[in-house]
Amino acid sequence: ASLTARPFFERKGFVVVAAQRVEKRGQI
């Protein structure tokens, strides 16, 4: 989940397993 989507998923019963940093075209 993106930073934007995290609150939605939390409201729907999802829990954070890990914070991640992913690379997309040279950006983290």
mmCIF file of all heavy atoms, coordinates in Angstrom:
data_MODEL
# 
_entry.id   MODEL 
# 
loop_
_atom_site.group_PDB 
_atom_site.id 
_atom_site.type_symbol 
_atom_site.label_atom_id 
_atom_site.label_alt_id 
_atom_site.label_comp_id 
_atom_site.label_asym_id 
_atom_site.label_entity_id 
_atom_site.label_seq_id 
_atom_site.pdbx_PDB_ins_code 
_atom_site.Cartn_x 
_atom_site.Cartn_y 
_atom_site.Cartn_z 
_atom_site.occupancy 
_atom_site.B_iso_or_equiv 
_atom_site.pdbx_formal_charge 
_atom_site.auth_seq_id 
_atom_site.auth_comp_id 
_atom_site.auth_asym_id 
_atom_site.auth_atom_id 
_atom_site.pdbx_PDB_model_num 
ATOM 1   N N   . ALA A 1 1  ? 0.829   -1.206 0.000   1.00 0.00 ? 1  ALA A N   1 
ATOM 2   C CA  . ALA A 1 1  ? 0.000   0.000  0.000   1.00 0.00 ? 1  ALA A CA  1 
ATOM 3   C C   . ALA A 1 1  ? 0.864   1.257  0.000   1.00 0.00 ? 1  ALA A C   1 
ATOM 4   O O   . ALA A 1 1  ? 1.835   1.358  0.742   1.00 0.00 ? 1  ALA A O   1 
ATOM 5   C CB  . ALA A 1 1  ? -0.912  -0.001 1.223   1.00 0.00 ? 1  ALA A CB  1 
ATOM 6   N N   . SER A 1 2  ? 0.458   2.204  -0.792  1.00 0.00 ? 2  SER A N   1 
ATOM 7   C CA  . SER A 1 2  ? 1.133   3.504  -0.816  1.00 0.00 ? 2  SER A CA  1 
ATOM 8   C C   . SER A 1 2  ? 0.832   4.267  0.478   1.00 0.00 ? 2  SER A C   1 
ATOM 9   O O   . SER A 1 2  ? -0.066  3.897  1.251   1.00 0.00 ? 2  SER A O   1 
ATOM 10  C CB  . SER A 1 2  ? 0.629   4.325  -2.012  1.00 0.00 ? 2  SER A CB  1 
ATOM 11  O OG  . SER A 1 2  ? -0.741  4.645  -1.835  1.00 0.00 ? 2  SER A OG  1 
ATOM 12  N N   . LEU A 1 3  ? 1.568   5.341  0.692   1.00 0.00 ? 3  LEU A N   1 
ATOM 13  C CA  . LEU A 1 3  ? 1.275   6.241  1.818   1.00 0.00 ? 3  LEU A CA  1 
ATOM 14  C C   . LEU A 1 3  ? -0.186  6.689  1.734   1.00 0.00 ? 3  LEU A C   1 
ATOM 15  O O   . LEU A 1 3  ? -0.866  6.803  2.757   1.00 0.00 ? 3  LEU A O   1 
ATOM 16  C CB  . LEU A 1 3  ? 2.193   7.468  1.773   1.00 0.00 ? 3  LEU A CB  1 
ATOM 17  C CG  . LEU A 1 3  ? 3.681   7.222  2.000   1.00 0.00 ? 3  LEU A CG  1 
ATOM 18  C CD1 . LEU A 1 3  ? 4.495   8.446  1.577   1.00 0.00 ? 3  LEU A CD1 1 
ATOM 19  C CD2 . LEU A 1 3  ? 3.945   6.873  3.453   1.00 0.00 ? 3  LEU A CD2 1 
ATOM 20  N N   . THR A 1 4  ? -0.650  6.938  0.527   1.00 0.00 ? 4  THR A N   1 
ATOM 21  C CA  . THR A 1 4  ? -2.008  7.416  0.299   1.00 0.00 ? 4  THR A CA  1 
ATOM 22  C C   . THR A 1 4  ? -3.049  6.352  0.650   1.00 0.00 ? 4  THR A C   1 
ATOM 23  O O   . THR A 1 4  ? -4.084  6.658  1.248   1.00 0.00 ? 4  THR A O   1 
ATOM 24  C CB  . THR A 1 4  ? -2.162  7.832  -1.176  1.00 0.00 ? 4  THR A CB  1 
ATOM 25  O OG1 . THR A 1 4  ? -1.071  8.687  -1.539  1.00 0.00 ? 4  THR A OG1 1 
ATOM 26  C CG2 . THR A 1 4  ? -3.469  8.543  -1.415  1.00 0.00 ? 4  THR A CG2 1 
ATOM 27  N N   . ALA A 1 5  ? -2.771  5.105  0.290   1.00 0.00 ? 5  ALA A N   1 
ATOM 28  C CA  . ALA A 1 5  ? -3.748  4.025  0.461   1.00 0.00 ? 5  ALA A CA  1 
ATOM 29  C C   . ALA A 1 5  ? -3.720  3.394  1.853   1.00 0.00 ? 5  ALA A C   1 
ATOM 30  O O   . ALA A 1 5  ? -4.692  2.758  2.253   1.00 0.00 ? 5  ALA A O   1 
ATOM 31  C CB  . ALA A 1 5  ? -3.510  2.947  -0.590  1.00 0.00 ? 5  ALA A CB  1 
ATOM 32  N N   . ARG A 1 6  ? -2.632  3.555  2.590   1.00 0.00 ? 6  ARG A N   1 
ATOM 33  C CA  . ARG A 1 6  ? -2.515  2.886  3.894   1.00 0.00 ? 6  ARG A CA  1 
ATOM 34  C C   . ARG A 1 6  ? -3.715  3.118  4.813   1.00 0.00 ? 6  ARG A C   1 
ATOM 35  O O   . ARG A 1 6  ? -4.260  2.150  5.370   1.00 0.00 ? 6  ARG A O   1 
ATOM 36  C CB  . ARG A 1 6  ? -1.218  3.301  4.587   1.00 0.00 ? 6  ARG A CB  1 
ATOM 37  C CG  . ARG A 1 6  ? -1.076  2.692  5.972   1.00 0.00 ? 6  ARG A CG  1 
ATOM 38  C CD  . ARG A 1 6  ? 0.177   3.154  6.691   1.00 0.00 ? 6  ARG A CD  1 
ATOM 39  N NE  . ARG A 1 6  ? 0.173   2.670  8.064   1.00 0.00 ? 6  ARG A NE  1 
ATOM 40  C CZ  . ARG A 1 6  ? 1.171   2.854  8.907   1.00 0.00 ? 6  ARG A CZ  1 
ATOM 41  N NH1 . ARG A 1 6  ? 2.271   3.490  8.512   1.00 0.00 ? 6  ARG A NH1 1 
ATOM 42  N NH2 . ARG A 1 6  ? 1.087   2.395  10.135  1.00 0.00 ? 6  ARG A NH2 1 
ATOM 43  N N   . PRO A 1 7  ? -4.190  4.349  5.006   1.00 0.00 ? 7  PRO A N   1 
ATOM 44  C CA  . PRO A 1 7  ? -5.334  4.549  5.920   1.00 0.00 ? 7  PRO A CA  1 
ATOM 45  C C   . PRO A 1 7  ? -6.583  3.778  5.477   1.00 0.00 ? 7  PRO A C   1 
ATOM 46  O O   . PRO A 1 7  ? -7.303  3.238  6.325   1.00 0.00 ? 7  PRO A O   1 
ATOM 47  C CB  . PRO A 1 7  ? -5.568  6.062  5.888   1.00 0.00 ? 7  PRO A CB  1 
ATOM 48  C CG  . PRO A 1 7  ? -4.258  6.646  5.466   1.00 0.00 ? 7  PRO A CG  1 
ATOM 49  C CD  . PRO A 1 7  ? -3.664  5.634  4.520   1.00 0.00 ? 7  PRO A CD  1 
ATOM 50  N N   . PHE A 1 8  ? -6.835  3.715  4.178   1.00 0.00 ? 8  PHE A N   1 
ATOM 51  C CA  . PHE A 1 8  ? -7.983  2.949  3.680   1.00 0.00 ? 8  PHE A CA  1 
ATOM 52  C C   . PHE A 1 8  ? -7.845  1.483  4.082   1.00 0.00 ? 8  PHE A C   1 
ATOM 53  O O   . PHE A 1 8  ? -8.778  0.881  4.622   1.00 0.00 ? 8  PHE A O   1 
ATOM 54  C CB  . PHE A 1 8  ? -8.100  3.073  2.153   1.00 0.00 ? 8  PHE A CB  1 
ATOM 55  C CG  . PHE A 1 8  ? -9.049  2.073  1.552   1.00 0.00 ? 8  PHE A CG  1 
ATOM 56  C CD1 . PHE A 1 8  ? -10.418 2.300  1.582   1.00 0.00 ? 8  PHE A CD1 1 
ATOM 57  C CD2 . PHE A 1 8  ? -8.581  0.894  0.980   1.00 0.00 ? 8  PHE A CD2 1 
ATOM 58  C CE1 . PHE A 1 8  ? -11.305 1.359  1.045   1.00 0.00 ? 8  PHE A CE1 1 
ATOM 59  C CE2 . PHE A 1 8  ? -9.455  -0.048 0.445   1.00 0.00 ? 8  PHE A CE2 1 
ATOM 60  C CZ  . PHE A 1 8  ? -10.824 0.194  0.482   1.00 0.00 ? 8  PHE A CZ  1 
ATOM 61  N N   . PHE A 1 9  ? -6.695  0.899  3.799   1.00 0.00 ? 9  PHE A N   1 
ATOM 62  C CA  . PHE A 1 9  ? -6.503  -0.515 4.101   1.00 0.00 ? 9  PHE A CA  1 
ATOM 63  C C   . PHE A 1 9  ? -6.567  -0.780 5.605   1.00 0.00 ? 9  PHE A C   1 
ATOM 64  O O   . PHE A 1 9  ? -7.118  -1.804 6.025   1.00 0.00 ? 9  PHE A O   1 
ATOM 65  C CB  . PHE A 1 9  ? -5.203  -1.032 3.491   1.00 0.00 ? 9  PHE A CB  1 
ATOM 66  C CG  . PHE A 1 9  ? -5.301  -1.270 2.007   1.00 0.00 ? 9  PHE A CG  1 
ATOM 67  C CD1 . PHE A 1 9  ? -4.655  -0.446 1.106   1.00 0.00 ? 9  PHE A CD1 1 
ATOM 68  C CD2 . PHE A 1 9  ? -6.058  -2.315 1.511   1.00 0.00 ? 9  PHE A CD2 1 
ATOM 69  C CE1 . PHE A 1 9  ? -4.749  -0.666 -0.262  1.00 0.00 ? 9  PHE A CE1 1 
ATOM 70  C CE2 . PHE A 1 9  ? -6.174  -2.545 0.148   1.00 0.00 ? 9  PHE A CE2 1 
ATOM 71  C CZ  . PHE A 1 9  ? -5.512  -1.715 -0.745  1.00 0.00 ? 9  PHE A CZ  1 
ATOM 72  N N   . GLU A 1 10 ? -6.051  0.133  6.411   1.00 0.00 ? 10 GLU A N   1 
ATOM 73  C CA  . GLU A 1 10 ? -6.151  -0.044 7.867   1.00 0.00 ? 10 GLU A CA  1 
ATOM 74  C C   . GLU A 1 10 ? -7.615  -0.048 8.309   1.00 0.00 ? 10 GLU A C   1 
ATOM 75  O O   . GLU A 1 10 ? -8.002  -0.876 9.142   1.00 0.00 ? 10 GLU A O   1 
ATOM 76  C CB  . GLU A 1 10 ? -5.361  1.052  8.602   1.00 0.00 ? 10 GLU A CB  1 
ATOM 77  C CG  . GLU A 1 10 ? -3.871  0.844  8.501   1.00 0.00 ? 10 GLU A CG  1 
ATOM 78  C CD  . GLU A 1 10 ? -3.043  1.932  9.175   1.00 0.00 ? 10 GLU A CD  1 
ATOM 79  O OE1 . GLU A 1 10 ? -3.491  3.098  9.210   1.00 0.00 ? 10 GLU A OE1 1 
ATOM 80  O OE2 . GLU A 1 10 ? -1.956  1.614  9.657   1.00 0.00 ? 10 GLU A OE2 1 
ATOM 81  N N   . ARG A 1 11 ? -8.418  0.836  7.743   1.00 0.00 ? 11 ARG A N   1 
ATOM 82  C CA  . ARG A 1 11 ? -9.848  0.861  8.087   1.00 0.00 ? 11 ARG A CA  1 
ATOM 83  C C   . ARG A 1 11 ? -10.549 -0.430 7.689   1.00 0.00 ? 11 ARG A C   1 
ATOM 84  O O   . ARG A 1 11 ? -11.551 -0.803 8.288   1.00 0.00 ? 11 ARG A O   1 
ATOM 85  C CB  . ARG A 1 11 ? -10.551 2.049  7.410   1.00 0.00 ? 11 ARG A CB  1 
ATOM 86  C CG  . ARG A 1 11 ? -10.229 3.392  8.015   1.00 0.00 ? 11 ARG A CG  1 
ATOM 87  C CD  . ARG A 1 11 ? -11.146 4.501  7.500   1.00 0.00 ? 11 ARG A CD  1 
ATOM 88  N NE  . ARG A 1 11 ? -11.171 4.644  6.050   1.00 0.00 ? 11 ARG A NE  1 
ATOM 89  C CZ  . ARG A 1 11 ? -10.318 5.386  5.356   1.00 0.00 ? 11 ARG A CZ  1 
ATOM 90  N NH1 . ARG A 1 11 ? -9.361  6.051  5.959   1.00 0.00 ? 11 ARG A NH1 1 
ATOM 91  N NH2 . ARG A 1 11 ? -10.431 5.466  4.034   1.00 0.00 ? 11 ARG A NH2 1 
ATOM 92  N N   . LYS A 1 12 ? -10.004 -1.121 6.702   1.00 0.00 ? 12 LYS A N   1 
ATOM 93  C CA  . LYS A 1 12 ? -10.607 -2.358 6.200   1.00 0.00 ? 12 LYS A CA  1 
ATOM 94  C C   . LYS A 1 12 ? -10.009 -3.606 6.862   1.00 0.00 ? 12 LYS A C   1 
ATOM 95  O O   . LYS A 1 12 ? -10.255 -4.721 6.392   1.00 0.00 ? 12 LYS A O   1 
ATOM 96  C CB  . LYS A 1 12 ? -10.452 -2.450 4.678   1.00 0.00 ? 12 LYS A CB  1 
ATOM 97  C CG  . LYS A 1 12 ? -11.177 -1.338 3.941   1.00 0.00 ? 12 LYS A CG  1 
ATOM 98  C CD  . LYS A 1 12 ? -12.678 -1.394 4.178   1.00 0.00 ? 12 LYS A CD  1 
ATOM 99  C CE  . LYS A 1 12 ? -13.419 -0.325 3.412   1.00 0.00 ? 12 LYS A CE  1 
ATOM 100 N NZ  . LYS A 1 12 ? -14.859 -0.397 3.635   1.00 0.00 ? 12 LYS A NZ  1 
ATOM 101 N N   . GLY A 1 13 ? -9.230  -3.427 7.923   1.00 0.00 ? 13 GLY A N   1 
ATOM 102 C CA  . GLY A 1 13 ? -8.739  -4.573 8.684   1.00 0.00 ? 13 GLY A CA  1 
ATOM 103 C C   . GLY A 1 13 ? -7.355  -5.075 8.318   1.00 0.00 ? 13 GLY A C   1 
ATOM 104 O O   . GLY A 1 13 ? -6.912  -6.105 8.840   1.00 0.00 ? 13 GLY A O   1 
ATOM 105 N N   . PHE A 1 14 ? -6.657  -4.390 7.448   1.00 0.00 ? 14 PHE A N   1 
ATOM 106 C CA  . PHE A 1 14 ? -5.285  -4.767 7.118   1.00 0.00 ? 14 PHE A CA  1 
ATOM 107 C C   . PHE A 1 14 ? -4.340  -4.259 8.206   1.00 0.00 ? 14 PHE A C   1 
ATOM 108 O O   . PHE A 1 14 ? -4.601  -3.216 8.817   1.00 0.00 ? 14 PHE A O   1 
ATOM 109 C CB  . PHE A 1 14 ? -4.856  -4.150 5.785   1.00 0.00 ? 14 PHE A CB  1 
ATOM 110 C CG  . PHE A 1 14 ? -5.397  -4.841 4.569   1.00 0.00 ? 14 PHE A CG  1 
ATOM 111 C CD1 . PHE A 1 14 ? -6.740  -4.727 4.228   1.00 0.00 ? 14 PHE A CD1 1 
ATOM 112 C CD2 . PHE A 1 14 ? -4.565  -5.594 3.753   1.00 0.00 ? 14 PHE A CD2 1 
ATOM 113 C CE1 . PHE A 1 14 ? -7.248  -5.350 3.095   1.00 0.00 ? 14 PHE A CE1 1 
ATOM 114 C CE2 . PHE A 1 14 ? -5.070  -6.222 2.618   1.00 0.00 ? 14 PHE A CE2 1 
ATOM 115 C CZ  . PHE A 1 14 ? -6.410  -6.098 2.289   1.00 0.00 ? 14 PHE A CZ  1 
ATOM 116 N N   . VAL A 1 15 ? -3.258  -4.975 8.422   1.00 0.00 ? 15 VAL A N   1 
ATOM 117 C CA  . VAL A 1 15 ? -2.222  -4.542 9.356   1.00 0.00 ? 15 VAL A CA  1 
ATOM 118 C C   . VAL A 1 15 ? -0.903  -4.417 8.600   1.00 0.00 ? 15 VAL A C   1 
ATOM 119 O O   . VAL A 1 15 ? -0.652  -5.140 7.628   1.00 0.00 ? 15 VAL A O   1 
ATOM 120 C CB  . VAL A 1 15 ? -2.066  -5.510 10.552  1.00 0.00 ? 15 VAL A CB  1 
ATOM 121 C CG1 . VAL A 1 15 ? -3.326  -5.528 11.401  1.00 0.00 ? 15 VAL A CG1 1 
ATOM 122 C CG2 . VAL A 1 15 ? -1.711  -6.908 10.090  1.00 0.00 ? 15 VAL A CG2 1 
ATOM 123 N N   . VAL A 1 16 ? -0.077  -3.494 9.067   1.00 0.00 ? 16 VAL A N   1 
ATOM 124 C CA  . VAL A 1 16 ? 1.236   -3.293 8.456   1.00 0.00 ? 16 VAL A CA  1 
ATOM 125 C C   . VAL A 1 16 ? 2.161   -4.419 8.905   1.00 0.00 ? 16 VAL A C   1 
ATOM 126 O O   . VAL A 1 16 ? 2.337   -4.656 10.099  1.00 0.00 ? 16 VAL A O   1 
ATOM 127 C CB  . VAL A 1 16 ? 1.827   -1.923 8.847   1.00 0.00 ? 16 VAL A CB  1 
ATOM 128 C CG1 . VAL A 1 16 ? 3.269   -1.793 8.353   1.00 0.00 ? 16 VAL A CG1 1 
ATOM 129 C CG2 . VAL A 1 16 ? 0.965   -0.795 8.289   1.00 0.00 ? 16 VAL A CG2 1 
ATOM 130 N N   . VAL A 1 17 ? 2.730   -5.111 7.939   1.00 0.00 ? 17 VAL A N   1 
ATOM 131 C CA  . VAL A 1 17 ? 3.723   -6.145 8.206   1.00 0.00 ? 17 VAL A CA  1 
ATOM 132 C C   . VAL A 1 17 ? 5.113   -5.509 8.215   1.00 0.00 ? 17 VAL A C   1 
ATOM 133 O O   . VAL A 1 17 ? 5.944   -5.840 9.054   1.00 0.00 ? 17 VAL A O   1 
ATOM 134 C CB  . VAL A 1 17 ? 3.644   -7.267 7.139   1.00 0.00 ? 17 VAL A CB  1 
ATOM 135 C CG1 . VAL A 1 17 ? 4.747   -8.291 7.324   1.00 0.00 ? 17 VAL A CG1 1 
ATOM 136 C CG2 . VAL A 1 17 ? 2.266   -7.919 7.158   1.00 0.00 ? 17 VAL A CG2 1 
ATOM 137 N N   . ALA A 1 18 ? 5.350   -4.580 7.284   1.00 0.00 ? 18 ALA A N   1 
ATOM 138 C CA  . ALA A 1 18 ? 6.659   -3.923 7.189   1.00 0.00 ? 18 ALA A CA  1 
ATOM 139 C C   . ALA A 1 18 ? 6.535   -2.631 6.395   1.00 0.00 ? 18 ALA A C   1 
ATOM 140 O O   . ALA A 1 18 ? 5.786   -2.557 5.422   1.00 0.00 ? 18 ALA A O   1 
ATOM 141 C CB  . ALA A 1 18 ? 7.659   -4.843 6.497   1.00 0.00 ? 18 ALA A CB  1 
ATOM 142 N N   . ALA A 1 19 ? 7.291   -1.631 6.832   1.00 0.00 ? 19 ALA A N   1 
ATOM 143 C CA  . ALA A 1 19 ? 7.470   -0.427 6.022   1.00 0.00 ? 19 ALA A CA  1 
ATOM 144 C C   . ALA A 1 19 ? 8.543   -0.767 4.990   1.00 0.00 ? 19 ALA A C   1 
ATOM 145 O O   . ALA A 1 19 ? 9.496   -1.491 5.296   1.00 0.00 ? 19 ALA A O   1 
ATOM 146 C CB  . ALA A 1 19 ? 7.910   0.745  6.884   1.00 0.00 ? 19 ALA A CB  1 
ATOM 147 N N   . GLN A 1 20 ? 8.362   -0.291 3.773   1.00 0.00 ? 20 GLN A N   1 
ATOM 148 C CA  . GLN A 1 20 ? 9.290   -0.630 2.695   1.00 0.00 ? 20 GLN A CA  1 
ATOM 149 C C   . GLN A 1 20 ? 9.726   0.629  1.961   1.00 0.00 ? 20 GLN A C   1 
ATOM 150 O O   . GLN A 1 20 ? 9.035   1.634  1.968   1.00 0.00 ? 20 GLN A O   1 
ATOM 151 C CB  . GLN A 1 20 ? 8.604   -1.562 1.677   1.00 0.00 ? 20 GLN A CB  1 
ATOM 152 C CG  . GLN A 1 20 ? 8.049   -2.830 2.266   1.00 0.00 ? 20 GLN A CG  1 
ATOM 153 C CD  . GLN A 1 20 ? 7.452   -3.742 1.208   1.00 0.00 ? 20 GLN A CD  1 
ATOM 154 O OE1 . GLN A 1 20 ? 7.745   -4.902 1.191   1.00 0.00 ? 20 GLN A OE1 1 
ATOM 155 N NE2 . GLN A 1 20 ? 6.606   -3.225 0.318   1.00 0.00 ? 20 GLN A NE2 1 
ATOM 156 N N   . ARG A 1 21 ? 10.861  0.511  1.308   1.00 0.00 ? 21 ARG A N   1 
ATOM 157 C CA  . ARG A 1 21 ? 11.338  1.536  0.396   1.00 0.00 ? 21 ARG A CA  1 
ATOM 158 C C   . ARG A 1 21 ? 11.627  0.819  -0.914  1.00 0.00 ? 21 ARG A C   1 
ATOM 159 O O   . ARG A 1 21 ? 12.433  -0.102 -0.942  1.00 0.00 ? 21 ARG A O   1 
ATOM 160 C CB  . ARG A 1 21 ? 12.562  2.245  0.958   1.00 0.00 ? 21 ARG A CB  1 
ATOM 161 C CG  . ARG A 1 21 ? 12.187  3.022  2.244   1.00 0.00 ? 21 ARG A CG  1 
ATOM 162 C CD  . ARG A 1 21 ? 13.347  3.690  2.944   1.00 0.00 ? 21 ARG A CD  1 
ATOM 163 N NE  . ARG A 1 21 ? 14.150  4.594  2.143   1.00 0.00 ? 21 ARG A NE  1 
ATOM 164 C CZ  . ARG A 1 21 ? 13.785  5.822  1.741   1.00 0.00 ? 21 ARG A CZ  1 
ATOM 165 N NH1 . ARG A 1 21 ? 12.601  6.289  2.070   1.00 0.00 ? 21 ARG A NH1 1 
ATOM 166 N NH2 . ARG A 1 21 ? 14.602  6.571  1.039   1.00 0.00 ? 21 ARG A NH2 1 
ATOM 167 N N   . VAL A 1 22 ? 10.910  1.196  -1.960  1.00 0.00 ? 22 VAL A N   1 
ATOM 168 C CA  . VAL A 1 22 ? 11.037  0.518  -3.243  1.00 0.00 ? 22 VAL A CA  1 
ATOM 169 C C   . VAL A 1 22 ? 11.555  1.484  -4.301  1.00 0.00 ? 22 VAL A C   1 
ATOM 170 O O   . VAL A 1 22 ? 11.254  2.678  -4.275  1.00 0.00 ? 22 VAL A O   1 
ATOM 171 C CB  . VAL A 1 22 ? 9.697   -0.108 -3.687  1.00 0.00 ? 22 VAL A CB  1 
ATOM 172 C CG1 . VAL A 1 22 ? 9.262   -1.190 -2.713  1.00 0.00 ? 22 VAL A CG1 1 
ATOM 173 C CG2 . VAL A 1 22 ? 8.612   0.942  -3.817  1.00 0.00 ? 22 VAL A CG2 1 
ATOM 174 N N   . GLU A 1 23 ? 12.336  0.947  -5.222  1.00 0.00 ? 23 GLU A N   1 
ATOM 175 C CA  . GLU A 1 23 ? 12.916  1.764  -6.278  1.00 0.00 ? 23 GLU A CA  1 
ATOM 176 C C   . GLU A 1 23 ? 12.037  1.707  -7.524  1.00 0.00 ? 23 GLU A C   1 
ATOM 177 O O   . GLU A 1 23 ? 11.623  0.641  -7.956  1.00 0.00 ? 23 GLU A O   1 
ATOM 178 C CB  . GLU A 1 23 ? 14.328  1.244  -6.598  1.00 0.00 ? 23 GLU A CB  1 
ATOM 179 C CG  . GLU A 1 23 ? 15.123  2.163  -7.519  1.00 0.00 ? 23 GLU A CG  1 
ATOM 180 C CD  . GLU A 1 23 ? 14.906  1.875  -9.004  1.00 0.00 ? 23 GLU A CD  1 
ATOM 181 O OE1 . GLU A 1 23 ? 14.582  0.717  -9.349  1.00 0.00 ? 23 GLU A OE1 1 
ATOM 182 O OE2 . GLU A 1 23 ? 15.027  2.819  -9.794  1.00 0.00 ? 23 GLU A OE2 1 
ATOM 183 N N   . LYS A 1 24 ? 11.714  2.878  -8.047  1.00 0.00 ? 24 LYS A N   1 
ATOM 184 C CA  . LYS A 1 24 ? 10.971  3.000  -9.311  1.00 0.00 ? 24 LYS A CA  1 
ATOM 185 C C   . LYS A 1 24 ? 11.711  4.005  -10.176 1.00 0.00 ? 24 LYS A C   1 
ATOM 186 O O   . LYS A 1 24 ? 11.781  5.187  -9.832  1.00 0.00 ? 24 LYS A O   1 
ATOM 187 C CB  . LYS A 1 24 ? 9.552   3.536  -9.075  1.00 0.00 ? 24 LYS A CB  1 
ATOM 188 C CG  . LYS A 1 24 ? 8.660   2.606  -8.319  1.00 0.00 ? 24 LYS A CG  1 
ATOM 189 C CD  . LYS A 1 24 ? 7.809   1.813  -9.242  1.00 0.00 ? 24 LYS A CD  1 
ATOM 190 C CE  . LYS A 1 24 ? 6.776   1.060  -8.429  1.00 0.00 ? 24 LYS A CE  1 
ATOM 191 N NZ  . LYS A 1 24 ? 6.406   -0.176 -9.033  1.00 0.00 ? 24 LYS A NZ  1 
ATOM 192 N N   . ARG A 1 25 ? 12.309  3.522  -11.249 1.00 0.00 ? 25 ARG A N   1 
ATOM 193 C CA  . ARG A 1 25 ? 12.986  4.403  -12.215 1.00 0.00 ? 25 ARG A CA  1 
ATOM 194 C C   . ARG A 1 25 ? 13.905  5.413  -11.534 1.00 0.00 ? 25 ARG A C   1 
ATOM 195 O O   . ARG A 1 25 ? 13.860  6.609  -11.825 1.00 0.00 ? 25 ARG A O   1 
ATOM 196 C CB  . ARG A 1 25 ? 11.949  5.099  -13.093 1.00 0.00 ? 25 ARG A CB  1 
ATOM 197 C CG  . ARG A 1 25 ? 11.121  4.136  -13.925 1.00 0.00 ? 25 ARG A CG  1 
ATOM 198 C CD  . ARG A 1 25 ? 10.082  4.852  -14.761 1.00 0.00 ? 25 ARG A CD  1 
ATOM 199 N NE  . ARG A 1 25 ? 9.261   3.904  -15.486 1.00 0.00 ? 25 ARG A NE  1 
ATOM 200 C CZ  . ARG A 1 25 ? 8.144   3.355  -15.004 1.00 0.00 ? 25 ARG A CZ  1 
ATOM 201 N NH1 . ARG A 1 25 ? 7.709   3.653  -13.811 1.00 0.00 ? 25 ARG A NH1 1 
ATOM 202 N NH2 . ARG A 1 25 ? 7.463   2.494  -15.738 1.00 0.00 ? 25 ARG A NH2 1 
ATOM 203 N N   . GLY A 1 26 ? 14.707  4.924  -10.601 1.00 0.00 ? 26 GLY A N   1 
ATOM 204 C CA  . GLY A 1 26 ? 15.711  5.772  -9.952  1.00 0.00 ? 26 GLY A CA  1 
ATOM 205 C C   . GLY A 1 26 ? 15.224  6.537  -8.736  1.00 0.00 ? 26 GLY A C   1 
ATOM 206 O O   . GLY A 1 26 ? 16.016  7.186  -8.056  1.00 0.00 ? 26 GLY A O   1 
ATOM 207 N N   . GLN A 1 27 ? 13.951  6.473  -8.426  1.00 0.00 ? 27 GLN A N   1 
ATOM 208 C CA  . GLN A 1 27 ? 13.405  7.137  -7.243  1.00 0.00 ? 27 GLN A CA  1 
ATOM 209 C C   . GLN A 1 27 ? 13.102  6.079  -6.185  1.00 0.00 ? 27 GLN A C   1 
ATOM 210 O O   . GLN A 1 27 ? 12.695  4.964  -6.509  1.00 0.00 ? 27 GLN A O   1 
ATOM 211 C CB  . GLN A 1 27 ? 12.115  7.890  -7.580  1.00 0.00 ? 27 GLN A CB  1 
ATOM 212 C CG  . GLN A 1 27 ? 12.313  9.090  -8.465  1.00 0.00 ? 27 GLN A CG  1 
ATOM 213 C CD  . GLN A 1 27 ? 13.059  10.206 -7.754  1.00 0.00 ? 27 GLN A CD  1 
ATOM 214 O OE1 . GLN A 1 27 ? 12.759  10.561 -6.628  1.00 0.00 ? 27 GLN A OE1 1 
ATOM 215 N NE2 . GLN A 1 27 ? 14.061  10.748 -8.429  1.00 0.00 ? 27 GLN A NE2 1 
ATOM 216 N N   . ILE A 1 28 ? 13.276  6.449  -4.917  1.00 0.00 ? 28 ILE A N   1 
ATOM 217 C CA  . ILE A 1 28 ? 12.947  5.547  -3.811  1.00 0.00 ? 28 ILE A CA  1 
ATOM 218 C C   . ILE A 1 28 ? 11.617  6.000  -3.210  1.00 0.00 ? 28 ILE A C   1 
ATOM 219 O O   . ILE A 1 28 ? 11.499  7.127  -2.730  1.00 0.00 ? 28 ILE A O   1 
ATOM 220 C CB  . ILE A 1 28 ? 14.045  5.559  -2.719  1.00 0.00 ? 28 ILE A CB  1 
ATOM 221 C CG1 . ILE A 1 28 ? 15.417  5.214  -3.324  1.00 0.00 ? 28 ILE A CG1 1 
ATOM 222 C CG2 . ILE A 1 28 ? 13.673  4.608  -1.589  1.00 0.00 ? 28 ILE A CG2 1 
ATOM 223 C CD1 . ILE A 1 28 ? 15.503  3.824  -3.922  1.00 0.00 ? 28 ILE A CD1 1 
# 
